[in-house]
């Protein structure tokens, strides 16, 4: 997947653009953030009851 495909997937799945390359989704379970970098991306899971973790 390239950055454009990841960004399109994020928007289609309820993530809101924070700024260029950063998307975040809030729900009852907590917060999930996607950070798109030049050659990779990070998925940060911050659900309630769990420590934030990179996926």
PDB file of N, CA and C in Angstrom:
ATOM      1  N   UNK A   1       0.849  -1.180   0.000  1.00  0.00           N
ATOM      2  CA  UNK A   1       0.000   0.000   0.000  1.00  0.00           C
ATOM      3  C   UNK A   1       0.891   1.240   0.000  1.00  0.00           C
ATOM      4  N   UNK A   2       0.481   2.232  -0.758  1.00  0.00           N
ATOM      5  CA  UNK A   2       1.226   3.486  -0.719  1.00  0.00           C
ATOM      6  C   UNK A   2       0.475   4.495   0.158  1.00  0.00           C
ATOM      7  N   UNK A   3       1.059   5.667   0.350  1.00  0.00           N
ATOM      8  CA  UNK A   3       0.478   6.668   1.252  1.00  0.00           C
ATOM      9  C   UNK A   3      -0.920   7.086   0.820  1.00  0.00           C
ATOM     10  N   UNK A   4      -1.150   7.236  -0.481  1.00  0.00           N
ATOM     11  CA  UNK A   4      -2.474   7.642  -0.963  1.00  0.00           C
ATOM     12  C   UNK A   4      -3.529   6.576  -0.660  1.00  0.00           C
ATOM     13  N   UNK A   5      -3.153   5.313  -0.806  1.00  0.00           N
ATOM     14  CA  UNK A   5      -4.087   4.222  -0.526  1.00  0.00           C
ATOM     15  C   UNK A   5      -4.411   4.151   0.967  1.00  0.00           C
ATOM     16  N   UNK A   6      -3.406   4.354   1.811  1.00  0.00           N
ATOM     17  CA  UNK A   6      -3.631   4.332   3.255  1.00  0.00           C
ATOM     18  C   UNK A   6      -4.516   5.499   3.672  1.00  0.00           C
ATOM     19  N   UNK A   7      -4.266   6.686   3.121  1.00  0.00           N
ATOM     20  CA  UNK A   7      -5.083   7.855   3.440  1.00  0.00           C
ATOM     21  C   UNK A   7      -6.530   7.643   2.996  1.00  0.00           C
ATOM     22  N   UNK A   8      -6.742   7.102   1.812  1.00  0.00           N
ATOM     23  CA  UNK A   8      -8.096   6.836   1.325  1.00  0.00           C
ATOM     24  C   UNK A   8      -8.792   5.815   2.214  1.00  0.00           C
ATOM     25  N   UNK A   9      -8.083   4.754   2.611  1.00  0.00           N
ATOM     26  CA  UNK A   9      -8.658   3.746   3.494  1.00  0.00           C
ATOM     27  C   UNK A   9      -9.057   4.369   4.824  1.00  0.00           C
ATOM     28  N   UNK A  10      -8.184   5.230   5.370  1.00  0.00           N
ATOM     29  CA  UNK A  10      -8.458   5.869   6.660  1.00  0.00           C
ATOM     30  C   UNK A  10      -9.739   6.697   6.597  1.00  0.00           C
ATOM     31  N   UNK A  11      -9.893   7.506   5.571  1.00  0.00           N
ATOM     32  CA  UNK A  11     -11.091   8.349   5.435  1.00  0.00           C
ATOM     33  C   UNK A  11     -12.340   7.483   5.264  1.00  0.00           C
ATOM     34  N   UNK A  12     -12.244   6.421   4.483  1.00  0.00           N
ATOM     35  CA  UNK A  12     -13.376   5.522   4.268  1.00  0.00           C
ATOM     36  C   UNK A  12     -13.793   4.793   5.546  1.00  0.00           C
ATOM     37  N   UNK A  13     -12.877   4.674   6.501  1.00  0.00           N
ATOM     38  CA  UNK A  13     -13.149   3.937   7.728  1.00  0.00           C
ATOM     39  C   UNK A  13     -13.302   4.828   8.959  1.00  0.00           C
ATOM     40  N   UNK A  14     -13.711   6.066   8.748  1.00  0.00           N
ATOM     41  CA  UNK A  14     -14.077   6.939   9.857  1.00  0.00           C
ATOM     42  C   UNK A  14     -12.965   7.727  10.506  1.00  0.00           C
ATOM     43  N   UNK A  15     -11.770   7.734   9.912  1.00  0.00           N
ATOM     44  CA  UNK A  15     -10.678   8.531  10.454  1.00  0.00           C
ATOM     45  C   UNK A  15     -10.796   9.955   9.926  1.00  0.00           C
ATOM     46  N   UNK A  16     -10.466  10.926  10.768  1.00  0.00           N
ATOM     47  CA  UNK A  16     -10.503  12.331  10.376  1.00  0.00           C
ATOM     48  C   UNK A  16      -9.082  12.848  10.222  1.00  0.00           C
ATOM     49  N   UNK A  17      -8.854  13.635   9.173  1.00  0.00           N
ATOM     50  CA  UNK A  17      -7.517  14.184   8.929  1.00  0.00           C
ATOM     51  C   UNK A  17      -7.208  15.239   9.987  1.00  0.00           C
ATOM     52  N   UNK A  18      -6.083  15.075  10.666  1.00  0.00           N
ATOM     53  CA  UNK A  18      -5.614  16.055  11.642  1.00  0.00           C
ATOM     54  C   UNK A  18      -4.757  17.087  10.924  1.00  0.00           C
ATOM     55  N   UNK A  19      -3.820  16.602  10.158  1.00  0.00           N
ATOM     56  CA  UNK A  19      -2.977  17.423   9.287  1.00  0.00           C
ATOM     57  C   UNK A  19      -2.405  16.487   8.223  1.00  0.00           C
ATOM     58  N   UNK A  20      -1.481  16.964   7.454  1.00  0.00           N
ATOM     59  CA  UNK A  20      -0.931  16.158   6.366  1.00  0.00           C
ATOM     60  C   UNK A  20      -0.294  14.884   6.897  1.00  0.00           C
ATOM     61  N   UNK A  21      -0.886  13.741   6.553  1.00  0.00           N
ATOM     62  CA  UNK A  21      -0.325  12.457   6.932  1.00  0.00           C
ATOM     63  C   UNK A  21      -0.753  11.911   8.278  1.00  0.00           C
ATOM     64  N   UNK A  22      -1.626  12.611   9.002  1.00  0.00           N
ATOM     65  CA  UNK A  22      -2.086  12.145  10.306  1.00  0.00           C
ATOM     66  C   UNK A  22      -3.603  12.045  10.322  1.00  0.00           C
ATOM     67  N   UNK A  23      -4.099  10.889  10.743  1.00  0.00           N
ATOM     68  CA  UNK A  23      -5.538  10.627  10.788  1.00  0.00           C
ATOM     69  C   UNK A  23      -5.877  10.031  12.143  1.00  0.00           C
ATOM     70  N   UNK A  24      -7.057  10.389  12.682  1.00  0.00           N
ATOM     71  CA  UNK A  24      -7.439   9.911  14.006  1.00  0.00           C
ATOM     72  C   UNK A  24      -8.909   9.545  14.012  1.00  0.00           C
ATOM     73  N   UNK A  25      -9.220   8.471  14.755  1.00  0.00           N
ATOM     74  CA  UNK A  25     -10.615   8.053  14.921  1.00  0.00           C
ATOM     75  C   UNK A  25     -10.895   7.867  16.407  1.00  0.00           C
ATOM     76  N   UNK A  26     -12.004   8.443  16.878  1.00  0.00           N
ATOM     77  CA  UNK A  26     -12.469   8.291  18.249  1.00  0.00           C
ATOM     78  C   UNK A  26     -13.727   7.431  18.222  1.00  0.00           C
ATOM     79  N   UNK A  27     -13.832   6.505  19.164  1.00  0.00           N
ATOM     80  CA  UNK A  27     -15.069   5.758  19.337  1.00  0.00           C
ATOM     81  C   UNK A  27     -15.193   5.378  20.807  1.00  0.00           C
ATOM     82  N   UNK A  28     -16.176   4.578  21.145  1.00  0.00           N
ATOM     83  CA  UNK A  28     -16.390   4.207  22.543  1.00  0.00           C
ATOM     84  C   UNK A  28     -15.206   3.455  23.137  1.00  0.00           C
ATOM     85  N   UNK A  29     -14.455   2.761  22.315  1.00  0.00           N
ATOM     86  CA  UNK A  29     -13.314   1.983  22.795  1.00  0.00           C
ATOM     87  C   UNK A  29     -12.078   2.839  23.033  1.00  0.00           C
ATOM     88  N   UNK A  30     -12.000   4.017  22.420  1.00  0.00           N
ATOM     89  CA  UNK A  30     -10.837   4.884  22.597  1.00  0.00           C
ATOM     90  C   UNK A  30     -10.441   5.588  21.321  1.00  0.00           C
ATOM     91  N   UNK A  31      -9.143   5.770  21.144  1.00  0.00           N
ATOM     92  CA  UNK A  31      -8.594   6.544  20.030  1.00  0.00           C
ATOM     93  C   UNK A  31      -7.611   5.688  19.244  1.00  0.00           C
ATOM     94  N   UNK A  32      -7.688   5.768  17.926  1.00  0.00           N
ATOM     95  CA  UNK A  32      -6.699   5.133  17.062  1.00  0.00           C
ATOM     96  C   UNK A  32      -6.163   6.208  16.126  1.00  0.00           C
ATOM     97  N   UNK A  33      -4.846   6.297  16.018  1.00  0.00           N
ATOM     98  CA  UNK A  33      -4.186   7.297  15.188  1.00  0.00           C
ATOM     99  C   UNK A  33      -3.340   6.605  14.130  1.00  0.00           C
ATOM    100  N   UNK A  34      -3.388   7.129  12.906  1.00  0.00           N
ATOM    101  CA  UNK A  34      -2.512   6.668  11.827  1.00  0.00           C
ATOM    102  C   UNK A  34      -1.603   7.829  11.448  1.00  0.00           C
ATOM    103  N   UNK A  35      -0.297   7.575  11.470  1.00  0.00           N
ATOM    104  CA  UNK A  35       0.685   8.568  11.027  1.00  0.00           C
ATOM    105  C   UNK A  35       1.378   8.012   9.791  1.00  0.00           C
ATOM    106  N   UNK A  36       1.182   8.652   8.660  1.00  0.00           N
ATOM    107  CA  UNK A  36       1.787   8.203   7.411  1.00  0.00           C
ATOM    108  C   UNK A  36       3.119   8.928   7.235  1.00  0.00           C
ATOM    109  N   UNK A  37       4.175   8.141   7.130  1.00  0.00           N
ATOM    110  CA  UNK A  37       5.522   8.677   6.931  1.00  0.00           C
ATOM    111  C   UNK A  37       5.918   8.476   5.469  1.00  0.00           C
ATOM    112  N   UNK A  38       7.096   8.915   5.108  1.00  0.00           N
ATOM    113  CA  UNK A  38       7.552   8.820   3.720  1.00  0.00           C
ATOM    114  C   UNK A  38       7.592   7.372   3.226  1.00  0.00           C
ATOM    115  N   UNK A  39       8.168   6.470   3.994  1.00  0.00           N
ATOM    116  CA  UNK A  39       8.321   5.089   3.552  1.00  0.00           C
ATOM    117  C   UNK A  39       7.582   4.080   4.437  1.00  0.00           C
ATOM    118  N   UNK A  40       6.789   4.555   5.393  1.00  0.00           N
ATOM    119  CA  UNK A  40       6.089   3.645   6.293  1.00  0.00           C
ATOM    120  C   UNK A  40       4.897   4.362   6.920  1.00  0.00           C
ATOM    121  N   UNK A  41       4.168   3.642   7.757  1.00  0.00           N
ATOM    122  CA  UNK A  41       3.102   4.264   8.511  1.00  0.00           C
ATOM    123  C   UNK A  41       3.045   3.646   9.897  1.00  0.00           C
ATOM    124  N   UNK A  42       2.498   4.404  10.855  1.00  0.00           N
ATOM    125  CA  UNK A  42       2.319   3.938  12.222  1.00  0.00           C
ATOM    126  C   UNK A  42       0.835   3.886  12.531  1.00  0.00           C
ATOM    127  N   UNK A  43       0.403   2.851  13.213  1.00  0.00           N
ATOM    128  CA  UNK A  43      -0.956   2.764  13.716  1.00  0.00           C
ATOM    129  C   UNK A  43      -0.838   2.728  15.225  1.00  0.00           C
ATOM    130  N   UNK A  44      -1.364   3.750  15.901  1.00  0.00           N
ATOM    131  CA  UNK A  44      -1.255   3.870  17.348  1.00  0.00           C
ATOM    132  C   UNK A  44      -2.622   3.586  17.950  1.00  0.00           C
ATOM    133  N   UNK A  45      -2.711   2.553  18.763  1.00  0.00           N
ATOM    134  CA  UNK A  45      -3.955   2.106  19.384  1.00  0.00           C
ATOM    135  C   UNK A  45      -3.972   2.590  20.828  1.00  0.00           C
ATOM    136  N   UNK A  46      -4.933   3.461  21.168  1.00  0.00           N
ATOM    137  CA  UNK A  46      -5.039   4.016  22.513  1.00  0.00           C
ATOM    138  C   UNK A  46      -6.401   3.683  23.118  1.00  0.00           C
ATOM    139  N   UNK A  47      -6.836   2.426  23.002  1.00  0.00           N
ATOM    140  CA  UNK A  47      -8.133   2.047  23.530  1.00  0.00           C
ATOM    141  C   UNK A  47      -8.146   2.069  25.050  1.00  0.00           C
ATOM    142  N   UNK A  48      -9.336   2.280  25.609  1.00  0.00           N
ATOM    143  CA  UNK A  48      -9.492   2.367  27.060  1.00  0.00           C
ATOM    144  C   UNK A  48      -9.036   1.083  27.726  1.00  0.00           C
ATOM    145  N   UNK A  49      -8.362   1.243  28.854  1.00  0.00           N
ATOM    146  CA  UNK A  49      -7.914   0.099  29.620  1.00  0.00           C
ATOM    147  C   UNK A  49      -6.600  -0.488  29.139  1.00  0.00           C
ATOM    148  N   UNK A  50      -6.082   0.007  28.036  1.00  0.00           N
ATOM    149  CA  UNK A  50      -4.818  -0.496  27.503  1.00  0.00           C
ATOM    150  C   UNK A  50      -3.802   0.629  27.431  1.00  0.00           C
ATOM    151  N   UNK A  51      -2.542   0.275  27.550  1.00  0.00           N
ATOM    152  CA  UNK A  51      -1.494   1.270  27.321  1.00  0.00           C
ATOM    153  C   UNK A  51      -1.426   1.548  25.823  1.00  0.00           C
ATOM    154  N   UNK A  52      -1.134   2.799  25.436  1.00  0.00           N
ATOM    155  CA  UNK A  52      -0.972   3.060  23.993  1.00  0.00           C
ATOM    156  C   UNK A  52       0.079   2.134  23.418  1.00  0.00           C
ATOM    157  N   UNK A  53      -0.195   1.611  22.219  1.00  0.00           N
ATOM    158  CA  UNK A  53       0.755   0.697  21.592  1.00  0.00           C
ATOM    159  C   UNK A  53       0.806   0.929  20.095  1.00  0.00           C
ATOM    160  N   UNK A  54       1.948   0.636  19.529  1.00  0.00           N
ATOM    161  CA  UNK A  54       2.127   0.719  18.079  1.00  0.00           C
ATOM    162  C   UNK A  54       1.772  -0.611  17.480  1.00  0.00           C
ATOM    163  N   UNK A  55       1.060  -0.574  16.383  1.00  0.00           N
ATOM    164  CA  UNK A  55       0.668  -1.803  15.695  1.00  0.00           C
ATOM    165  C   UNK A  55       1.308  -1.803  14.315  1.00  0.00           C
TER     166      UNK A  55
END
